[in-house]
N, C-alpha and C. Protein backbone atom coordinates (compact mmCIF):
# COMPACT_ATOMS: atom_id res chain seq x y z
N UNK A 1 -26.83 -2.34 -6.95
CA UNK A 1 -26.05 -0.78 -7.53
C UNK A 1 -24.70 -0.93 -6.09
N UNK A 2 -23.38 -0.05 -7.80
CA UNK A 2 -22.20 -0.26 -6.51
C UNK A 2 -21.74 0.67 -6.91
N UNK A 3 -20.69 1.03 -5.34
CA UNK A 3 -20.61 1.99 -5.26
C UNK A 3 -19.44 3.06 -5.21
N UNK A 4 -19.36 3.86 -5.82
CA UNK A 4 -18.06 4.61 -6.02
C UNK A 4 -16.35 4.89 -4.89
N UNK A 5 -15.52 4.64 -5.04
CA UNK A 5 -15.19 4.63 -3.79
C UNK A 5 -13.79 5.94 -4.65
N UNK A 6 -13.00 6.41 -3.86
CA UNK A 6 -11.89 7.00 -3.93
C UNK A 6 -10.53 6.10 -4.31
N UNK A 7 -10.13 6.25 -5.38
CA UNK A 7 -9.01 5.06 -5.63
C UNK A 7 -7.74 6.53 -6.13
N UNK A 8 -7.10 6.38 -4.96
CA UNK A 8 -5.69 7.21 -5.64
C UNK A 8 -4.58 6.74 -6.52
N UNK A 9 -4.21 7.08 -7.48
CA UNK A 9 -3.71 6.86 -8.81
C UNK A 9 -2.30 7.08 -8.20
N UNK A 10 -1.55 5.39 -8.68
CA UNK A 10 -0.07 5.47 -8.67
C UNK A 10 1.32 6.21 -8.69
N UNK A 11 0.81 6.76 -10.01
CA UNK A 11 1.27 7.35 -10.85
C UNK A 11 1.61 10.08 -10.51
N UNK A 12 -0.14 9.64 -10.88
CA UNK A 12 -0.02 11.40 -10.36
C UNK A 12 -0.90 11.48 -8.62
N UNK A 13 -0.97 10.89 -8.45
CA UNK A 13 -1.43 10.82 -7.08
C UNK A 13 -2.57 11.61 -7.27
N UNK A 14 -3.15 11.97 -8.02
CA UNK A 14 -5.14 12.11 -7.96
C UNK A 14 -6.05 11.46 -7.94
N UNK A 15 -7.32 11.73 -6.99
CA UNK A 15 -8.16 10.97 -6.78
C UNK A 15 -9.17 10.93 -7.59
N UNK A 16 -9.28 9.24 -8.18
CA UNK A 16 -10.51 8.97 -8.93
C UNK A 16 -11.41 8.39 -8.44
N UNK A 17 -12.75 8.60 -8.71
CA UNK A 17 -13.60 7.79 -8.29
C UNK A 17 -13.89 6.82 -9.70
N UNK A 18 -14.19 5.53 -8.37
CA UNK A 18 -14.34 4.18 -9.45
C UNK A 18 -15.33 3.54 -8.47
N UNK A 19 -15.76 3.06 -9.48
CA UNK A 19 -17.42 2.57 -9.15
C UNK A 19 -16.73 0.92 -8.35
N UNK A 20 -17.09 0.40 -7.62
CA UNK A 20 -16.31 -0.88 -6.30
C UNK A 20 -16.60 -2.20 -7.56
N UNK A 21 -17.86 -2.40 -8.25
CA UNK A 21 -17.36 -3.70 -9.03
C UNK A 21 -16.97 -3.40 -10.40
N UNK A 22 -15.70 -2.03 -10.16
CA UNK A 22 -15.13 -1.68 -11.65
C UNK A 22 -13.68 -2.20 -11.08
N UNK A 23 -12.95 -2.12 -10.46
CA UNK A 23 -12.55 -2.68 -9.78
C UNK A 23 -11.27 -2.94 -10.23
N UNK A 24 -11.94 -4.43 -10.47
CA UNK A 24 -10.87 -5.02 -11.27
C UNK A 24 -10.89 -5.27 -13.03
N UNK A 25 -11.23 -4.50 -13.37
CA UNK A 25 -11.55 -4.15 -15.36
C UNK A 25 -10.41 -3.11 -14.90
N UNK A 26 -9.21 -2.97 -14.52
CA UNK A 26 -8.15 -2.23 -14.42
C UNK A 26 -8.52 -1.06 -15.57
N UNK A 27 -9.12 0.09 -14.36
CA UNK A 27 -9.40 1.17 -14.49
C UNK A 27 -8.13 2.16 -14.92
N UNK A 28 -8.29 3.07 -15.43
CA UNK A 28 -7.18 4.50 -16.35
C UNK A 28 -7.55 5.64 -14.80
N UNK A 29 -6.85 6.00 -14.60
CA UNK A 29 -6.79 7.39 -14.00
C UNK A 29 -7.15 8.65 -14.76
N UNK A 30 -8.24 8.89 -14.60
CA UNK A 30 -9.04 10.31 -15.13
C UNK A 30 -7.83 11.38 -15.34
N UNK A 31 -6.78 12.13 -15.31
CA UNK A 31 -6.20 12.63 -15.42
C UNK A 31 -4.86 12.27 -16.07
N UNK A 32 -4.22 11.33 -15.83
CA UNK A 32 -2.81 10.80 -16.16
C UNK A 32 -3.22 9.43 -17.34
N UNK A 33 -4.11 9.20 -17.40
CA UNK A 33 -4.14 8.08 -18.21
C UNK A 33 -3.87 6.35 -18.16
N UNK A 34 -3.10 7.16 -16.74
CA UNK A 34 -1.99 5.09 -16.58
C UNK A 34 -2.76 4.66 -16.41
N UNK A 35 -2.65 3.11 -15.77
CA UNK A 35 -3.84 1.72 -14.94
C UNK A 35 -3.80 2.19 -13.25
N UNK A 36 -4.88 2.66 -13.37
CA UNK A 36 -4.79 2.64 -11.28
C UNK A 36 -3.90 1.95 -10.36
N UNK A 37 -4.02 0.40 -10.57
CA UNK A 37 -3.70 -0.64 -10.31
C UNK A 37 -2.59 -1.20 -11.45
N UNK A 38 -1.44 -1.49 -10.26
CA UNK A 38 0.68 -1.75 -11.39
C UNK A 38 0.31 -3.08 -11.04
N UNK A 39 -0.21 -3.66 -10.04
CA UNK A 39 0.47 -5.09 -9.34
C UNK A 39 1.88 -4.82 -9.25
N UNK A 40 2.33 -3.86 -8.43
CA UNK A 40 3.44 -3.54 -8.31
C UNK A 40 3.58 -2.38 -6.95
N UNK A 41 4.50 -2.34 -6.18
CA UNK A 41 4.70 -1.47 -4.51
C UNK A 41 4.66 -0.21 -5.32
N UNK A 42 4.01 0.77 -4.64
CA UNK A 42 3.75 2.07 -4.98
C UNK A 42 4.54 2.78 -4.36
N UNK A 43 5.90 3.53 -4.11
CA UNK A 43 6.81 3.86 -3.52
C UNK A 43 6.34 5.34 -2.91
N UNK A 44 5.94 5.49 -1.93
CA UNK A 44 5.52 6.96 -1.72
C UNK A 44 6.55 7.31 0.11
N UNK A 45 7.50 7.95 -0.86
CA UNK A 45 8.38 8.49 0.35
C UNK A 45 8.23 9.89 -0.32
N UNK A 46 6.68 10.61 -0.25
CA UNK A 46 7.13 11.67 0.18
C UNK A 46 5.49 12.19 0.77
N UNK A 47 6.19 12.64 1.65
CA UNK A 47 4.03 13.05 2.71
C UNK A 47 3.70 13.23 2.74
N UNK A 48 3.15 13.59 1.50
CA UNK A 48 1.67 14.34 0.66
C UNK A 48 1.27 12.83 -0.20
N UNK A 49 2.50 11.94 -0.67
CA UNK A 49 2.07 11.26 -1.52
C UNK A 49 1.12 10.46 -0.59
N UNK A 50 2.26 10.14 0.31
CA UNK A 50 1.77 9.22 1.30
C UNK A 50 0.16 9.39 1.99
N UNK A 51 -0.49 10.75 2.49
CA UNK A 51 -1.26 11.13 2.94
C UNK A 51 -2.17 11.20 2.09
N UNK A 52 -2.13 11.65 0.43
CA UNK A 52 -3.04 11.23 -0.33
C UNK A 52 -3.72 9.91 -0.64
N UNK A 53 -2.90 9.06 0.02
CA UNK A 53 -3.18 7.49 -0.47
C UNK A 53 -3.68 7.31 0.64
N UNK A 54 -3.28 7.10 1.30
CA UNK A 54 -3.78 6.68 3.68
C UNK A 54 -5.05 7.47 3.06
N UNK A 55 -4.69 8.75 2.90
CA UNK A 55 -6.07 9.69 3.12
C UNK A 55 -7.17 9.84 3.31
N UNK A 56 -6.80 9.68 1.37
CA UNK A 56 -7.97 9.17 0.83
C UNK A 56 -8.67 8.66 0.24
N UNK A 57 -7.69 7.20 -0.39
CA UNK A 57 -8.26 5.65 -1.12
C UNK A 57 -8.95 5.75 -0.14
N UNK A 58 -10.42 4.53 -0.54
CA UNK A 58 -11.02 4.39 0.23
C UNK A 58 -11.39 2.96 0.44
N UNK A 59 -9.37 2.18 -0.37
CA UNK A 59 -9.57 0.91 -0.39
C UNK A 59 -8.36 0.48 0.77
N UNK A 60 -7.62 -0.51 1.71
CA UNK A 60 -6.83 -0.51 2.36
C UNK A 60 -5.71 -0.41 2.04
N UNK A 61 -4.62 0.24 2.66
CA UNK A 61 -3.69 1.02 2.38
C UNK A 61 -2.21 -0.29 3.25
N UNK A 62 -1.62 -0.51 2.45
CA UNK A 62 -0.21 -2.08 3.26
C UNK A 62 0.17 -1.36 2.89
N UNK A 63 1.46 -0.75 3.53
CA UNK A 63 2.39 -0.21 3.69
C UNK A 63 4.04 -0.91 4.34
N UNK A 64 4.90 -1.29 3.59
CA UNK A 64 6.50 -1.55 4.02
C UNK A 64 6.89 -0.40 4.22
N UNK A 65 7.46 -0.35 5.94
CA UNK A 65 8.75 0.85 6.32
C UNK A 65 9.90 0.01 5.82
N UNK A 66 10.55 0.08 4.79
CA UNK A 66 11.79 -0.19 4.81
C UNK A 66 12.66 0.23 4.50
N UNK A 67 14.35 0.30 4.38
CA UNK A 67 15.14 0.57 4.15
C UNK A 67 16.30 0.38 2.93
N UNK A 68 16.98 0.51 2.10
CA UNK A 68 17.74 -0.07 0.87
C UNK A 68 19.21 -0.84 1.73
N UNK A 69 19.82 -0.49 3.37
CA UNK A 69 20.38 -1.43 3.70
C UNK A 69 20.62 -2.15 4.22
N UNK A 70 18.84 -2.40 4.25
CA UNK A 70 18.33 -3.56 5.55
C UNK A 70 18.33 -5.10 5.02
N UNK A 71 18.60 -5.95 5.16
CA UNK A 71 19.01 -7.36 4.68
C UNK A 71 17.87 -8.15 4.55
N UNK A 72 16.72 -7.76 5.74
CA UNK A 72 15.29 -8.79 6.07
C UNK A 72 14.55 -8.34 4.83
N UNK A 73 14.77 -6.23 5.17
CA UNK A 73 13.76 -5.52 4.30
C UNK A 73 14.35 -6.08 2.66
N UNK A 74 15.49 -6.76 2.05
CA UNK A 74 15.97 -6.82 0.26
C UNK A 74 15.68 -8.40 0.53
N UNK A 75 15.13 -9.12 1.26
CA UNK A 75 14.65 -10.70 1.32
C UNK A 75 13.61 -10.36 1.31
N UNK A 76 12.81 -9.45 1.95
CA UNK A 76 11.22 -9.34 1.85
C UNK A 76 10.94 -9.06 0.37
N UNK A 77 11.53 -8.08 -0.35
CA UNK A 77 11.23 -7.03 -1.43
C UNK A 77 10.49 -8.19 -2.32
N UNK A 78 10.72 -9.34 -2.99
CA UNK A 78 10.56 -9.79 -4.14
C UNK A 78 9.25 -10.61 -3.22
N UNK A 79 8.98 -11.26 -2.01
CA UNK A 79 7.14 -11.71 -1.73
C UNK A 79 6.61 -10.42 -1.81
N UNK A 80 7.50 -9.29 -1.00
CA UNK A 80 5.93 -8.05 -1.07
C UNK A 80 5.47 -8.26 -2.78
N UNK A 81 6.08 -8.41 -3.44
CA UNK A 81 6.50 -7.09 -5.05
C UNK A 81 5.06 -8.19 -4.92
N UNK A 82 5.06 -9.98 -4.72
CA UNK A 82 4.23 -11.04 -4.98
C UNK A 82 2.49 -10.78 -4.85
N UNK A 83 3.03 -10.51 -3.85
CA UNK A 83 1.46 -10.01 -2.18
C UNK A 83 0.34 -8.86 -3.00
N UNK A 84 1.75 -7.62 -3.55
CA UNK A 84 0.72 -7.04 -4.50
C UNK A 84 -0.07 -7.19 -5.46
N UNK A 85 0.38 -8.69 -6.24
CA UNK A 85 -0.27 -9.14 -7.33
C UNK A 85 -1.84 -9.55 -6.78
N UNK A 86 -1.32 -9.75 -5.67
CA UNK A 86 -2.49 -11.12 -5.57
C UNK A 86 -3.31 -10.01 -4.08
N UNK A 87 -3.12 -8.76 -3.96
CA UNK A 87 -4.10 -7.91 -3.08
C UNK A 87 -4.85 -6.96 -3.80
N UNK A 88 -3.81 -6.59 -4.92
CA UNK A 88 -4.71 -5.46 -5.82
C UNK A 88 -5.74 -6.00 -6.22
N UNK A 89 -6.50 -5.31 -6.86
CA UNK A 89 -7.27 -4.76 -6.46
C UNK A 89 -7.90 -3.89 -5.00
N UNK A 90 -8.15 -4.40 -4.26
CA UNK A 90 -8.32 -5.01 -2.94
C UNK A 90 -7.50 -3.80 -2.21
N UNK A 91 -6.61 -3.88 -2.16
CA UNK A 91 -6.32 -3.19 -0.64
C UNK A 91 -4.72 -2.41 -2.11
N UNK A 92 -4.58 -1.11 -1.42
CA UNK A 92 -3.69 -0.90 -2.11
C UNK A 92 -2.27 -0.92 -1.58
N UNK A 93 -1.14 -1.63 -2.48
CA UNK A 93 -0.08 -2.05 -1.12
C UNK A 93 1.56 -1.06 -2.04
N UNK A 94 1.81 -0.27 -0.53
CA UNK A 94 3.29 0.37 -0.71
C UNK A 94 4.26 -0.12 -0.27
N UNK A 95 5.04 0.77 -0.31
CA UNK A 95 6.82 1.04 0.57
C UNK A 95 6.66 2.28 0.70
N UNK A 96 7.72 2.44 1.68
CA UNK A 96 8.22 3.71 2.23
C UNK A 96 9.83 3.64 2.94
N UNK A 97 10.80 4.14 2.52
CA UNK A 97 11.76 4.14 2.25
C UNK A 97 12.42 5.15 3.79
N UNK A 98 12.32 4.32 4.55
CA UNK A 98 12.78 5.26 5.88
C UNK A 98 13.95 6.13 5.66
N UNK A 99 14.57 5.52 4.60
CA UNK A 99 15.94 7.28 5.15
C UNK A 99 16.36 8.41 4.08
N UNK A 100 14.88 7.74 2.67
CA UNK A 100 14.42 8.81 2.20
C UNK A 100 12.94 9.57 2.47
N UNK A 101 12.64 8.92 3.31
CA UNK A 101 10.74 9.29 4.29
C UNK A 101 10.99 9.32 5.33
N UNK A 102 12.17 10.36 6.42
CA UNK A 102 12.38 9.94 7.83
C UNK A 102 11.06 10.06 8.23
N UNK A 103 10.36 11.71 8.04
CA UNK A 103 9.41 12.26 8.45
C UNK A 103 8.36 10.95 8.89
N UNK A 104 7.73 10.63 7.73
CA UNK A 104 6.83 9.17 7.92
C UNK A 104 7.54 8.20 8.89
N UNK A 105 8.73 8.01 9.01
CA UNK A 105 8.82 6.73 9.93
C UNK A 105 9.05 7.27 11.20
N UNK A 106 9.48 8.32 11.36
CA UNK A 106 8.76 9.15 12.56
C UNK A 106 7.78 9.20 13.29
N UNK A 107 6.84 10.00 12.34
CA UNK A 107 5.70 10.02 12.31
C UNK A 107 4.20 8.25 12.87
N UNK A 108 4.98 7.39 12.41
CA UNK A 108 4.67 6.23 12.43
C UNK A 108 5.04 5.56 13.79
N UNK A 109 6.23 6.18 14.69
CA UNK A 109 7.01 5.51 15.60
C UNK A 109 7.99 3.98 15.09
N UNK A 110 8.50 4.05 13.45
CA UNK A 110 8.78 2.80 13.38
C UNK A 110 10.26 3.04 14.29
N UNK A 111 10.29 1.77 14.82
CA UNK A 111 11.50 1.56 14.93
C UNK A 111 12.62 0.30 14.79
N UNK A 112 11.54 -0.79 14.29
CA UNK A 112 12.98 -2.08 13.02
C UNK A 112 12.06 -1.88 12.06
N UNK A 113 13.27 -2.44 11.29
CA UNK A 113 12.24 -2.87 9.90
C UNK A 113 12.42 -4.35 9.01
N UNK A 114 11.56 -4.77 8.38
CA UNK A 114 11.12 -4.07 7.94
C UNK A 114 9.94 -4.47 8.68
N UNK A 115 9.05 -3.82 8.82
CA UNK A 115 7.50 -3.21 9.57
C UNK A 115 6.42 -2.98 8.36
N UNK A 116 5.29 -3.99 8.83
CA UNK A 116 4.13 -3.74 7.83
C UNK A 116 2.82 -2.88 8.54
N UNK A 117 2.30 -1.81 7.99
CA UNK A 117 1.57 -0.96 8.17
C UNK A 117 0.32 -1.34 8.09
N UNK A 118 -1.02 -1.89 7.89
CA UNK A 118 -2.23 -1.81 7.33
C UNK A 118 -3.01 -0.93 7.72
N UNK A 119 -3.21 0.30 7.12
CA UNK A 119 -4.42 1.57 7.03
C UNK A 119 -5.42 1.11 6.43
N UNK A 120 -6.35 1.01 7.04
CA UNK A 120 -7.86 1.65 7.24
C UNK A 120 -8.61 2.40 7.16
N UNK A 121 -9.24 3.46 6.34
CA UNK A 121 -9.76 4.46 6.38
C UNK A 121 -9.11 5.40 7.16
N UNK A 122 -7.52 5.41 7.00
CA UNK A 122 -7.16 6.77 7.43
C UNK A 122 -6.17 6.26 8.25
N UNK A 123 -6.44 4.55 9.41
CA UNK A 123 -6.26 4.55 10.47
C UNK A 123 -5.48 3.46 9.71
N UNK A 124 -4.19 3.06 10.92
CA UNK A 124 -3.23 1.62 11.25
C UNK A 124 -4.51 1.04 12.49
N UNK A 125 -4.54 -0.06 11.39
CA UNK A 125 -5.02 -0.98 12.28
C UNK A 125 -4.48 -2.71 12.49
N UNK A 126 -3.28 -2.36 11.68
CA UNK A 126 -2.36 -3.69 12.79
C UNK A 126 -1.39 -3.08 11.69
N UNK A 127 0.37 -4.04 12.49
CA UNK A 127 1.52 -3.80 12.60
C UNK A 127 2.26 -5.33 12.36
N UNK A 128 3.15 -5.63 12.03
CA UNK A 128 3.90 -6.51 12.16
C UNK A 128 5.57 -6.14 11.43
N UNK A 129 6.58 -6.17 12.82
CA UNK A 129 7.26 -6.20 12.52
C UNK A 129 8.60 -7.35 12.09
N UNK A 130 9.15 -7.04 11.11
CA UNK A 130 9.88 -8.18 10.80
C UNK A 130 9.96 -9.05 9.69
N UNK A 131 10.93 -9.35 8.24
CA UNK A 131 10.39 -10.00 7.44
C UNK A 131 9.63 -10.72 7.03
N UNK A 132 8.65 -10.78 5.95
CA UNK A 132 7.90 -11.64 5.53
C UNK A 132 8.25 -12.21 4.37
N UNK A 133 9.07 -13.57 4.14
CA UNK A 133 9.75 -14.17 2.82
C UNK A 133 8.67 -14.51 1.92
N UNK A 134 6.97 -15.06 2.41
CA UNK A 134 6.64 -15.95 1.74
C UNK A 134 5.63 -15.69 0.84
N UNK A 135 5.20 -14.78 -0.12
CA UNK A 135 3.60 -14.53 -0.27
C UNK A 135 2.44 -14.54 0.30
N UNK A 136 2.08 -15.95 0.02
CA UNK A 136 0.76 -16.15 1.01
C UNK A 136 0.70 -15.93 2.63
N UNK A 137 1.89 -15.28 3.26
CA UNK A 137 2.15 -15.05 4.62
C UNK A 137 1.54 -13.87 4.98
N UNK A 138 2.34 -12.73 3.84
CA UNK A 138 1.87 -11.64 3.87
C UNK A 138 -0.06 -11.50 3.44
N UNK A 139 -0.35 -12.24 2.42
CA UNK A 139 -1.75 -12.39 1.91
C UNK A 139 -2.49 -12.47 2.89
N UNK A 140 -2.34 -13.63 3.55
CA UNK A 140 -2.77 -13.97 4.85
C UNK A 140 -2.65 -13.27 5.98
N UNK A 141 -1.81 -12.13 6.56
CA UNK A 141 -1.77 -11.83 7.66
C UNK A 141 -3.03 -11.08 6.76
N UNK A 142 -2.80 -9.79 6.13
CA UNK A 142 -3.42 -8.88 5.19
C UNK A 142 -5.01 -9.21 5.57
N UNK A 143 -5.01 -10.09 4.94
CA UNK A 143 -6.86 -10.72 4.55
C UNK A 143 -7.42 -10.99 6.04
N UNK A 144 -6.75 -11.62 6.66
CA UNK A 144 -6.80 -11.54 8.08
C UNK A 144 -7.74 -10.85 8.89
N UNK A 145 -7.09 -9.14 8.57
CA UNK A 145 -6.88 -7.99 9.52
C UNK A 145 -7.81 -7.08 8.66
N UNK A 146 -8.19 -7.07 7.40
CA UNK A 146 -9.05 -5.95 6.90
C UNK A 146 -10.97 -6.68 7.86
N UNK A 147 -11.83 -5.63 7.35
CA UNK A 147 -13.08 -5.29 7.65
C UNK A 147 -13.70 -6.19 7.26
N UNK A 148 -14.78 -7.17 7.44
CA UNK A 148 -15.65 -7.85 6.53
C UNK A 148 -16.34 -7.07 6.05
């Protein structure tokens, strides 16, 4: 028997219930009918949307804290997008522009960008500062830090 997981929609930020064995079968949002997984990082520059994804989703959330003017952030972006395609649907992959969402950067004490933070059950469980430009390196870093 598979358990029902809360998954937050990347489009309308509604919380959906999805059976764990149906994660890989392209589930849609019950509210907006868009795909719950897009194989792309979700922009969470709004505190409310960020909190919904990190606190309500019952899958881990990987967040890239970045800024548009940051060269290493721009260098890491393609690898991060490729990693999203490999990590979803078991991990939600998100981005926070620290220029647009300064309150989130301050809340998590982001001092250097890019910074990757992995949240499980609403709590930060791992952090990596500095650009990783190889998608396999990002995927490996995340999977090594996920609970068994």
